[in-house]
Amino acid sequence: MKKNEMQEKFRDLLNRRKESLKRAMDKGEEGVVLENVGEICGIAASMQIIGLIDWEQKDYIENEAWNMYLRREPEHEAC
């Protein structure tokens, strides 16, 4: 599989987890919310390990997930 194909699949997976996180937050399902945050962080770590993103991008994705959980606005947009 080509690098751009893998990036697309991982981005799809991240987007699905983010949507699931939003739905769980709307329903007040704390356990499911935290599970989704953990999965998002795991996906970001996997992407970094196999070289699809760098450390800064991984940290941004993880911080974005925690900010969603804490209902904070992101500090800046990713490039």
PDB file of N, CA and C in Angstrom:
ATOM      1  N   MET A   1       0.842  -1.166   0.000  1.00  0.00           N
ATOM      2  CA  MET A   1       0.000   0.000   0.000  1.00  0.00           C
ATOM      3  C   MET A   1       0.897   1.242   0.000  1.00  0.00           C
ATOM      4  N   LYS A   2       0.534   2.222  -0.811  1.00  0.00           N
ATOM      5  CA  LYS A   2       1.307   3.449  -0.906  1.00  0.00           C
ATOM      6  C   LYS A   2       1.082   4.328   0.327  1.00  0.00           C
ATOM      7  N   LYS A   3       2.062   5.188   0.577  1.00  0.00           N
ATOM      8  CA  LYS A   3       2.010   6.050   1.754  1.00  0.00           C
ATOM      9  C   LYS A   3       0.749   6.920   1.761  1.00  0.00           C
ATOM     10  N   ASN A   4       0.408   7.518   0.639  1.00  0.00           N
ATOM     11  CA  ASN A   4      -0.773   8.387   0.605  1.00  0.00           C
ATOM     12  C   ASN A   4      -2.071   7.605   0.823  1.00  0.00           C
ATOM     13  N   GLU A   5      -2.107   6.353   0.401  1.00  0.00           N
ATOM     14  CA  GLU A   5      -3.280   5.511   0.647  1.00  0.00           C
ATOM     15  C   GLU A   5      -3.410   5.207   2.140  1.00  0.00           C
ATOM     16  N   MET A   6      -2.270   4.920   2.781  1.00  0.00           N
ATOM     17  CA  MET A   6      -2.288   4.658   4.219  1.00  0.00           C
ATOM     18  C   MET A   6      -2.700   5.909   4.984  1.00  0.00           C
ATOM     19  N   GLN A   7      -2.182   7.063   4.580  1.00  0.00           N
ATOM     20  CA  GLN A   7      -2.558   8.314   5.236  1.00  0.00           C
ATOM     21  C   GLN A   7      -4.069   8.544   5.137  1.00  0.00           C
ATOM     22  N   GLU A   8      -4.623   8.280   3.982  1.00  0.00           N
ATOM     23  CA  GLU A   8      -6.054   8.459   3.778  1.00  0.00           C
ATOM     24  C   GLU A   8      -6.866   7.522   4.677  1.00  0.00           C
ATOM     25  N   LYS A   9      -6.442   6.282   4.773  1.00  0.00           N
ATOM     26  CA  LYS A   9      -7.146   5.314   5.618  1.00  0.00           C
ATOM     27  C   LYS A   9      -7.071   5.717   7.097  1.00  0.00           C
ATOM     28  N   PHE A  10      -5.898   6.151   7.532  1.00  0.00           N
ATOM     29  CA  PHE A  10      -5.750   6.584   8.922  1.00  0.00           C
ATOM     30  C   PHE A  10      -6.568   7.852   9.188  1.00  0.00           C
ATOM     31  N   ARG A  11      -6.584   8.780   8.257  1.00  0.00           N
ATOM     32  CA  ARG A  11      -7.373  10.010   8.418  1.00  0.00           C
ATOM     33  C   ARG A  11      -8.856   9.675   8.501  1.00  0.00           C
ATOM     34  N   ASP A  12      -9.283   8.733   7.676  1.00  0.00           N
ATOM     35  CA  ASP A  12     -10.681   8.265   7.739  1.00  0.00           C
ATOM     36  C   ASP A  12     -10.996   7.700   9.128  1.00  0.00           C
ATOM     37  N   LEU A  13     -10.100   6.876   9.619  1.00  0.00           N
ATOM     38  CA  LEU A  13     -10.267   6.275  10.932  1.00  0.00           C
ATOM     39  C   LEU A  13     -10.320   7.351  12.025  1.00  0.00           C
ATOM     40  N   LEU A  14      -9.435   8.341  11.934  1.00  0.00           N
ATOM     41  CA  LEU A  14      -9.448   9.444  12.889  1.00  0.00           C
ATOM     42  C   LEU A  14     -10.771  10.207  12.842  1.00  0.00           C
ATOM     43  N   ASN A  15     -11.235  10.492  11.648  1.00  0.00           N
ATOM     44  CA  ASN A  15     -12.496  11.237  11.501  1.00  0.00           C
ATOM     45  C   ASN A  15     -13.675  10.461  12.074  1.00  0.00           C
ATOM     46  N   ARG A  16     -13.697   9.156  11.865  1.00  0.00           N
ATOM     47  CA  ARG A  16     -14.785   8.344  12.433  1.00  0.00           C
ATOM     48  C   ARG A  16     -14.738   8.355  13.958  1.00  0.00           C
ATOM     49  N   ARG A  17     -13.533   8.270  14.527  1.00  0.00           N
ATOM     50  CA  ARG A  17     -13.388   8.318  15.987  1.00  0.00           C
ATOM     51  C   ARG A  17     -13.814   9.673  16.531  1.00  0.00           C
ATOM     52  N   LYS A  18     -13.464  10.757  15.824  1.00  0.00           N
ATOM     53  CA  LYS A  18     -13.862  12.098  16.264  1.00  0.00           C
ATOM     54  C   LYS A  18     -15.375  12.254  16.240  1.00  0.00           C
ATOM     55  N   GLU A  19     -16.017  11.734  15.216  1.00  0.00           N
ATOM     56  CA  GLU A  19     -17.481  11.791  15.139  1.00  0.00           C
ATOM     57  C   GLU A  19     -18.105  10.973  16.269  1.00  0.00           C
ATOM     58  N   SER A  20     -17.536   9.822  16.541  1.00  0.00           N
ATOM     59  CA  SER A  20     -18.014   8.986  17.636  1.00  0.00           C
ATOM     60  C   SER A  20     -17.828   9.706  18.973  1.00  0.00           C
ATOM     61  N   LEU A  21     -16.721  10.391  19.128  1.00  0.00           N
ATOM     62  CA  LEU A  21     -16.459  11.174  20.334  1.00  0.00           C
ATOM     63  C   LEU A  21     -17.526  12.251  20.510  1.00  0.00           C
ATOM     64  N   LYS A  22     -17.830  12.973  19.441  1.00  0.00           N
ATOM     65  CA  LYS A  22     -18.847  14.029  19.507  1.00  0.00           C
ATOM     66  C   LYS A  22     -20.216  13.469  19.879  1.00  0.00           C
ATOM     67  N   ARG A  23     -20.586  12.354  19.274  1.00  0.00           N
ATOM     68  CA  ARG A  23     -21.885  11.730  19.590  1.00  0.00           C
ATOM     69  C   ARG A  23     -21.947  11.296  21.052  1.00  0.00           C
ATOM     70  N   ALA A  24     -20.876  10.684  21.533  1.00  0.00           N
ATOM     71  CA  ALA A  24     -20.840  10.217  22.922  1.00  0.00           C
ATOM     72  C   ALA A  24     -20.903  11.405  23.891  1.00  0.00           C
ATOM     73  N   MET A  25     -20.243  12.502  23.530  1.00  0.00           N
ATOM     74  CA  MET A  25     -20.300  13.691  24.380  1.00  0.00           C
ATOM     75  C   MET A  25     -21.721  14.247  24.430  1.00  0.00           C
ATOM     76  N   ASP A  26     -22.381  14.277  23.295  1.00  0.00           N
ATOM     77  CA  ASP A  26     -23.759  14.768  23.235  1.00  0.00           C
ATOM     78  C   ASP A  26     -24.695  13.920  24.091  1.00  0.00           C
ATOM     79  N   LYS A  27     -24.413  12.624  24.155  1.00  0.00           N
ATOM     80  CA  LYS A  27     -25.248  11.702  24.928  1.00  0.00           C
ATOM     81  C   LYS A  27     -24.819  11.620  26.390  1.00  0.00           C
ATOM     82  N   GLY A  28     -23.671  12.211  26.724  1.00  0.00           N
ATOM     83  CA  GLY A  28     -23.180  12.175  28.092  1.00  0.00           C
ATOM     84  C   GLY A  28     -22.602  10.834  28.501  1.00  0.00           C
ATOM     85  N   GLU A  29     -22.094  10.078  27.546  1.00  0.00           N
ATOM     86  CA  GLU A  29     -21.522   8.753  27.807  1.00  0.00           C
ATOM     87  C   GLU A  29     -20.024   8.886  28.098  1.00  0.00           C
ATOM     88  N   GLU A  30     -19.700   9.183  29.352  1.00  0.00           N
ATOM     89  CA  GLU A  30     -18.326   9.474  29.759  1.00  0.00           C
ATOM     90  C   GLU A  30     -17.341   8.361  29.398  1.00  0.00           C
ATOM     91  N   GLY A  31     -17.699   7.115  29.657  1.00  0.00           N
ATOM     92  CA  GLY A  31     -16.798   6.001  29.349  1.00  0.00           C
ATOM     93  C   GLY A  31     -16.493   5.891  27.874  1.00  0.00           C
ATOM     94  N   VAL A  32     -17.506   6.055  27.050  1.00  0.00           N
ATOM     95  CA  VAL A  32     -17.321   5.977  25.597  1.00  0.00           C
ATOM     96  C   VAL A  32     -16.496   7.166  25.115  1.00  0.00           C
ATOM     97  N   VAL A  33     -16.714   8.329  25.715  1.00  0.00           N
ATOM     98  CA  VAL A  33     -15.946   9.523  25.355  1.00  0.00           C
ATOM     99  C   VAL A  33     -14.457   9.272  25.599  1.00  0.00           C
ATOM    100  N   LEU A  34     -14.134   8.799  26.786  1.00  0.00           N
ATOM    101  CA  LEU A  34     -12.728   8.552  27.110  1.00  0.00           C
ATOM    102  C   LEU A  34     -12.126   7.437  26.258  1.00  0.00           C
ATOM    103  N   GLU A  35     -12.919   6.445  25.935  1.00  0.00           N
ATOM    104  CA  GLU A  35     -12.448   5.383  25.046  1.00  0.00           C
ATOM    105  C   GLU A  35     -12.078   5.962  23.687  1.00  0.00           C
ATOM    106  N   ASN A  36     -12.907   6.846  23.160  1.00  0.00           N
ATOM    107  CA  ASN A  36     -12.628   7.464  21.864  1.00  0.00           C
ATOM    108  C   ASN A  36     -11.396   8.352  21.912  1.00  0.00           C
ATOM    109  N   VAL A  37     -11.222   9.100  22.999  1.00  0.00           N
ATOM    110  CA  VAL A  37     -10.010   9.917  23.145  1.00  0.00           C
ATOM    111  C   VAL A  37      -8.784   9.008  23.110  1.00  0.00           C
ATOM    112  N   GLY A  38      -8.832   7.906  23.838  1.00  0.00           N
ATOM    113  CA  GLY A  38      -7.722   6.957  23.851  1.00  0.00           C
ATOM    114  C   GLY A  38      -7.445   6.362  22.478  1.00  0.00           C
ATOM    115  N   GLU A  39      -8.509   6.041  21.746  1.00  0.00           N
ATOM    116  CA  GLU A  39      -8.328   5.487  20.403  1.00  0.00           C
ATOM    117  C   GLU A  39      -7.717   6.519  19.461  1.00  0.00           C
ATOM    118  N   ILE A  40      -8.154   7.769  19.568  1.00  0.00           N
ATOM    119  CA  ILE A  40      -7.593   8.828  18.729  1.00  0.00           C
ATOM    120  C   ILE A  40      -6.100   8.985  19.021  1.00  0.00           C
ATOM    121  N   CYS A  41      -5.738   8.985  20.300  1.00  0.00           N
ATOM    122  CA  CYS A  41      -4.327   9.095  20.672  1.00  0.00           C
ATOM    123  C   CYS A  41      -3.529   7.898  20.160  1.00  0.00           C
ATOM    124  N   GLY A  42      -4.104   6.718  20.218  1.00  0.00           N
ATOM    125  CA  GLY A  42      -3.446   5.518  19.712  1.00  0.00           C
ATOM    126  C   GLY A  42      -3.252   5.543  18.206  1.00  0.00           C
ATOM    127  N   ILE A  43      -4.252   6.029  17.502  1.00  0.00           N
ATOM    128  CA  ILE A  43      -4.142   6.146  16.042  1.00  0.00           C
ATOM    129  C   ILE A  43      -3.035   7.131  15.686  1.00  0.00           C
ATOM    130  N   ALA A  44      -3.006   8.271  16.394  1.00  0.00           N
ATOM    131  CA  ALA A  44      -1.964   9.271  16.132  1.00  0.00           C
ATOM    132  C   ALA A  44      -0.577   8.695  16.396  1.00  0.00           C
ATOM    133  N   ALA A  45      -0.432   7.959  17.495  1.00  0.00           N
ATOM    134  CA  ALA A  45       0.860   7.346  17.812  1.00  0.00           C
ATOM    135  C   ALA A  45       1.254   6.339  16.730  1.00  0.00           C
ATOM    136  N   SER A  46       0.303   5.566  16.256  1.00  0.00           N
ATOM    137  CA  SER A  46       0.580   4.590  15.192  1.00  0.00           C
ATOM    138  C   SER A  46       1.029   5.292  13.918  1.00  0.00           C
ATOM    139  N   MET A  47       0.359   6.377  13.579  1.00  0.00           N
ATOM    140  CA  MET A  47       0.727   7.129  12.380  1.00  0.00           C
ATOM    141  C   MET A  47       2.146   7.671  12.493  1.00  0.00           C
ATOM    142  N   GLN A  48       2.510   8.130  13.686  1.00  0.00           N
ATOM    143  CA  GLN A  48       3.850   8.670  13.885  1.00  0.00           C
ATOM    144  C   GLN A  48       4.892   7.557  13.807  1.00  0.00           C
ATOM    145  N   ILE A  49       4.603   6.440  14.409  1.00  0.00           N
ATOM    146  CA  ILE A  49       5.557   5.330  14.437  1.00  0.00           C
ATOM    147  C   ILE A  49       5.885   4.824  13.036  1.00  0.00           C
ATOM    148  N   ILE A  50       4.881   4.749  12.172  1.00  0.00           N
ATOM    149  CA  ILE A  50       5.148   4.233  10.823  1.00  0.00           C
ATOM    150  C   ILE A  50       5.543   5.331   9.837  1.00  0.00           C
ATOM    151  N   GLY A  51       5.704   6.561  10.350  1.00  0.00           N
ATOM    152  CA  GLY A  51       6.251   7.634   9.527  1.00  0.00           C
ATOM    153  C   GLY A  51       5.250   8.404   8.681  1.00  0.00           C
ATOM    154  N   LEU A  52       3.973   8.304   8.991  1.00  0.00           N
ATOM    155  CA  LEU A  52       2.978   9.048   8.225  1.00  0.00           C
ATOM    156  C   LEU A  52       2.865  10.498   8.678  1.00  0.00           C
ATOM    157  N   ILE A  53       3.168  10.746   9.952  1.00  0.00           N
ATOM    158  CA  ILE A  53       3.152  12.099  10.499  1.00  0.00           C
ATOM    159  C   ILE A  53       4.367  12.256  11.412  1.00  0.00           C
ATOM    160  N   ASP A  54       4.709  13.514  11.732  1.00  0.00           N
ATOM    161  CA  ASP A  54       5.830  13.737  12.647  1.00  0.00           C
ATOM    162  C   ASP A  54       5.306  13.908  14.078  1.00  0.00           C
ATOM    163  N   TRP A  55       6.231  14.102  15.014  1.00  0.00           N
ATOM    164  CA  TRP A  55       5.872  14.216  16.433  1.00  0.00           C
ATOM    165  C   TRP A  55       4.930  15.389  16.676  1.00  0.00           C
ATOM    166  N   GLU A  56       5.194  16.494  16.018  1.00  0.00           N
ATOM    167  CA  GLU A  56       4.364  17.689  16.217  1.00  0.00           C
ATOM    168  C   GLU A  56       2.917  17.435  15.779  1.00  0.00           C
ATOM    169  N   GLN A  57       2.744  16.771  14.650  1.00  0.00           N
ATOM    170  CA  GLN A  57       1.400  16.441  14.178  1.00  0.00           C
ATOM    171  C   GLN A  57       0.709  15.468  15.125  1.00  0.00           C
ATOM    172  N   LYS A  58       1.468  14.505  15.641  1.00  0.00           N
ATOM    173  CA  LYS A  58       0.909  13.547  16.603  1.00  0.00           C
ATOM    174  C   LYS A  58       0.414  14.278  17.835  1.00  0.00           C
ATOM    175  N   ASP A  59       1.257  15.158  18.359  1.00  0.00           N
ATOM    176  CA  ASP A  59       0.878  15.931  19.541  1.00  0.00           C
ATOM    177  C   ASP A  59      -0.350  16.790  19.274  1.00  0.00           C
ATOM    178  N   TYR A  60      -0.420  17.378  18.085  1.00  0.00           N
ATOM    179  CA  TYR A  60      -1.571  18.215  17.731  1.00  0.00           C
ATOM    180  C   TYR A  60      -2.861  17.392  17.741  1.00  0.00           C
ATOM    181  N   ILE A  61      -2.825  16.214  17.138  1.00  0.00           N
ATOM    182  CA  ILE A  61      -4.007  15.350  17.083  1.00  0.00           C
ATOM    183  C   ILE A  61      -4.431  14.941  18.490  1.00  0.00           C
ATOM    184  N   GLU A  62      -3.462  14.570  19.319  1.00  0.00           N
ATOM    185  CA  GLU A  62      -3.770  14.181  20.699  1.00  0.00           C
ATOM    186  C   GLU A  62      -4.354  15.359  21.481  1.00  0.00           C
ATOM    187  N   ASN A  63      -3.755  16.529  21.357  1.00  0.00           N
ATOM    188  CA  ASN A  63      -4.258  17.716  22.050  1.00  0.00           C
ATOM    189  C   ASN A  63      -5.649  18.094  21.569  1.00  0.00           C
ATOM    190  N   GLU A  64      -5.893  17.934  20.276  1.00  0.00           N
ATOM    191  CA  GLU A  64      -7.209  18.216  19.716  1.00  0.00           C
ATOM    192  C   GLU A  64      -8.267  17.307  20.354  1.00  0.00           C
ATOM    193  N   ALA A  65      -7.940  16.034  20.515  1.00  0.00           N
ATOM    194  CA  ALA A  65      -8.877  15.091  21.133  1.00  0.00           C
ATOM    195  C   ALA A  65      -9.164  15.484  22.576  1.00  0.00           C
ATOM    196  N   TRP A  66      -8.119  15.809  23.334  1.00  0.00           N
ATOM    197  CA  TRP A  66      -8.316  16.208  24.736  1.00  0.00           C
ATOM    198  C   TRP A  66      -9.071  17.520  24.829  1.00  0.00           C
ATOM    199  N   ASN A  67      -8.806  18.460  23.914  1.00  0.00           N
ATOM    200  CA  ASN A  67      -9.542  19.721  23.909  1.00  0.00           C
ATOM    201  C   ASN A  67     -11.017  19.498  23.602  1.00  0.00           C
ATOM    202  N   MET A  68     -11.314  18.562  22.724  1.00  0.00           N
ATOM    203  CA  MET A  68     -12.708  18.228  22.455  1.00  0.00           C
ATOM    204  C   MET A  68     -13.352  17.697  23.730  1.00  0.00           C
ATOM    205  N   TYR A  69     -12.662  16.801  24.419  1.00  0.00           N
ATOM    206  CA  TYR A  69     -13.164  16.225  25.660  1.00  0.00           C
ATOM    207  C   TYR A  69     -13.410  17.311  26.713  1.00  0.00           C
ATOM    208  N   LEU A  70     -12.469  18.249  26.807  1.00  0.00           N
ATOM    209  CA  LEU A  70     -12.574  19.321  27.795  1.00  0.00           C
ATOM    210  C   LEU A  70     -13.425  20.493  27.295  1.00  0.00           C
ATOM    211  N   ARG A  71     -13.934  20.358  26.071  1.00  0.00           N
ATOM    212  CA  ARG A  71     -14.782  21.384  25.431  1.00  0.00           C
ATOM    213  C   ARG A  71     -14.056  22.728  25.313  1.00  0.00           C
ATOM    214  N   ARG A  72     -12.787  22.647  24.930  1.00  0.00           N
ATOM    215  CA  ARG A  72     -11.975  23.850  24.692  1.00  0.00           C
ATOM    216  C   ARG A  72     -11.833  24.041  23.201  1.00  0.00           C
ATOM    217  N   GLU A  73     -11.659  25.275  22.802  1.00  0.00           N
ATOM    218  CA  GLU A  73     -11.375  25.598  21.408  1.00  0.00           C
ATOM    219  C   GLU A  73      -9.919  25.278  21.094  1.00  0.00           C
ATOM    220  N   PRO A  74      -9.623  24.814  19.886  1.00  0.00           N
ATOM    221  CA  PRO A  74      -8.211  24.561  19.515  1.00  0.00           C
ATOM    222  C   PRO A  74      -7.427  25.863  19.511  1.00  0.00           C
ATOM    223  N   GLU A  75      -6.144  25.768  19.870  1.00  0.00           N
ATOM    224  CA  GLU A  75      -5.299  26.959  19.929  1.00  0.00           C
ATOM    225  C   GLU A  75      -4.982  27.508  18.542  1.00  0.00           C
ATOM    226  N   HIS A  76      -4.812  26.619  17.563  1.00  0.00           N
ATOM    227  CA  HIS A  76      -4.546  27.033  16.189  1.00  0.00           C
ATOM    228  C   HIS A  76      -4.900  25.890  15.270  1.00  0.00           C
ATOM    229  N   GLU A  77      -5.033  26.192  14.011  1.00  0.00           N
ATOM    230  CA  GLU A  77      -5.360  25.174  13.028  1.00  0.00           C
ATOM    231  C   GLU A  77      -4.099  24.495  12.535  1.00  0.00           C
ATOM    232  N   ALA A  78      -4.203  23.237  12.189  1.00  0.00           N
ATOM    233  CA  ALA A  78      -3.053  22.499  11.627  1.00  0.00           C
ATOM    234  C   ALA A  78      -2.762  23.012  10.232  1.00  0.00           C
ATOM    235  N   CYS A  79      -1.525  22.924   9.849  1.00  0.00           N
ATOM    236  CA  CYS A  79      -1.108  23.390   8.510  1.00  0.00           C
ATOM    237  C   CYS A  79      -1.421  22.341   7.476  1.00  0.00           C
TER     238      CYS A  79
END
